[in-house]
Amino acid sequence: MIGRVTQFRVWGPQRKQVRVVVDGTVHDMCRGDDGWWQAAVDHAGPSTDYAYLLDDNDVALPDPRSAWLPNGVHGPSRIYDQSAFDWTDQAWTGRALPGSVLYELHIGTFTPQGSFDAAIDRLDHLVELGIDLVEVLPVNAVDAPYNWGYDGVAWYTVTENYGGPDAFKRFVDACHGRGLGVVLDVVHNHLGPSGAYLDRFGPYFAGRNIWGPSLNLDGTDSDEVRRYVIDNAVMWLHDFHVDGLRLDAVHALVDGSAMHLLEELAVEVEAMSAHVRRPLTLIAESDLNDPRLVTAREAGGYGLAAQWDDDVHHALHATLTGESQGYYADFATAGLNGLARTLRHAFFHADTWSEFRGRRHGRPVDTWRIPAHRFVAYLQNHDQIGNRATGDRLSATLSPGLLACGAAVLLCSPYTPMVFMGEEWGAGTPWQFFSHFPDAQLRDNIREGRFAEFADHGWADIDVPDPNEEQTFLRSKLDWDELGREPHDTLHRTYRDLIALRRSHPELSDPWLHRSGVDADERARTMVLHRGGLRVAVNLGAAETTVWCHDTVGRVLLASGEASIEGGRITLPAESFAVVEMRA
């Protein structure tokens, strides 16, 4: 804005006419050679409403780069002054991913109120737990009063469901004030089914994936589409001060360019990190098992900081629960030895046969050159709970002892651990799939598609919750009153103590897989992780057993049961673990 004049700009290379409606008054716009339309309007500024008319259509559409949509994704955009917020985090120097513990949460179900401001009141719990980075599920605008966030259609806008853009800035500012970094989950692989107007402005789309229209990343006029994604990522990092982005399902980003969008994004973010002088992190969710995503650009990779590692989750889940349906089949067949292999090599599928896929899958990780902190591991996350038929957590089927054993393997592994909200106390509440679009036919389609999906997976006899019902959403909210009650309190202390142990003993955050080892005994259901001078002994069996550590055990640092030591042997009660220090 120059004085009292505001420049409105929008990209519409295929449109013959574009007009901007500012507070009810229509203004003609001029087209540049680059396909951008612009108009200078007097007496427009922060809090002014505006929208665009395309060609001879009389339906005004919101700005594809709207920073504020107070009336929903179908309503007009409102000018938002990104510089007006009074930040207090000037001393914040960031939080690097190596050595950190992440905590994934959904703002709408993290607290009863489901708002950014209410979430601020629970941040001290995360600090006391030992969390370093808070990973927030998508917060961009969606055409629904409640949603996971992956159906967003206004990528530059913070949803009013949680309080809007200023409230999100307050949340980030509060996190930084407590020493917590913030990673934001962003979705660039598709748009939601309601309120997506991008294709009316320009050639943003090229084909579809399983979730909806996918972006035109390498076709005609794709340069501006790529810029749309990159500018969006930069906006979150710059204007909202977030410390990193989790990039949703990057395998659905179809890009045949010589420089893949992910590499181009990594270049931009690295340059920005150098400017702001704090670490900025990009974490990919990928189904490819391709370590090139996290290989440095100097070595021919994309240069991302990390990627989610579903193989660690699947191996842990199958080992702990015995489940073998769907993609768990390969891991269940491999058993405890399969988990050990995954802990040694990051990927279970590394150019190896996958019965589930009916083909070879993945690529080996060079464990001498790629540090394990580039792989985010987890016992549970939003997908692996919410995409189950009833949204049941591990706490619904596993004993407190096995939950603690799983936590010990995760938090003492070489990988970057992530905890899903409530996991740390074995929350008894489910986390179910929920959404509620205004269109009744769309709601019916989602319900029917959900039920059919679970029938295909052999869950036809299970009463699948209706994702459109408000109770499905309300059931998924955490019950904070569980804290302080057993068995929740003991498990919470276990998580806290394991994270503290990881922080105080450098062996447990050492990311070099060639310096880590795993012994597994399938018959006895025991496992020993070798972490420098420490051993993490785990008994998953239903009876007391003794494990051999090869060298003399010095002392027990942490145990979930009454472990006893004799020479190089540790006797563990059923379903328990012990972290021990070896004698020099």
Foldseek 3Di string as FASTA:
>chain_A
DPDQKDKDKAAFQPFPWKWKQKQNRIDGWDADPLRMTIDIDGRADAFIWMFMDTHPDPQTAEGLQAAEDPPALSGTGGHDDLPPADFDLPVQQADDLQLFAEEEEEQQFQALLSALVVVLVCVVVVVLLPHAEYEYEAQATAQFLDASRQQHQRLNWGYCSHPTDNSLLVNQRSCSVSNHAYEYEGEQAAHHPPSHDVVVRHQQFDDADPHHTGGDCADPPNVVNLVVVLVSLVCCCPSSVHQEYEYEACVSHDHPDPQDSLLVSLVVQVVVCVVSNHHHAYEYEYPAQECLQCDCVVVVRSNHQAYEQVQLQLLLCCQQQVDCFAQNVVNSVCHPVLNQVCLLWVHSQAQDDRPNVRHRGHHTDPLQRGFQQRYEYENDELCRQALPQAQDDPLVPGDLLQLLLSLLCQLQGQYHYYHYNPSQQSFPFGAYGATAHPDPVVLVVVQVVSQVVVVVRVCNVDDGDRRRDVVNSSSNRTDVVCDPPPPRPVSNVSSSLSSVVSSVDVLSNGRRSVQKHKDADRVQQWMWIDRPQKIKIFGQAQAKDKDFQPAAWDAWPDKPDPWDGDGRMIIDGHSMMTMTGGDD
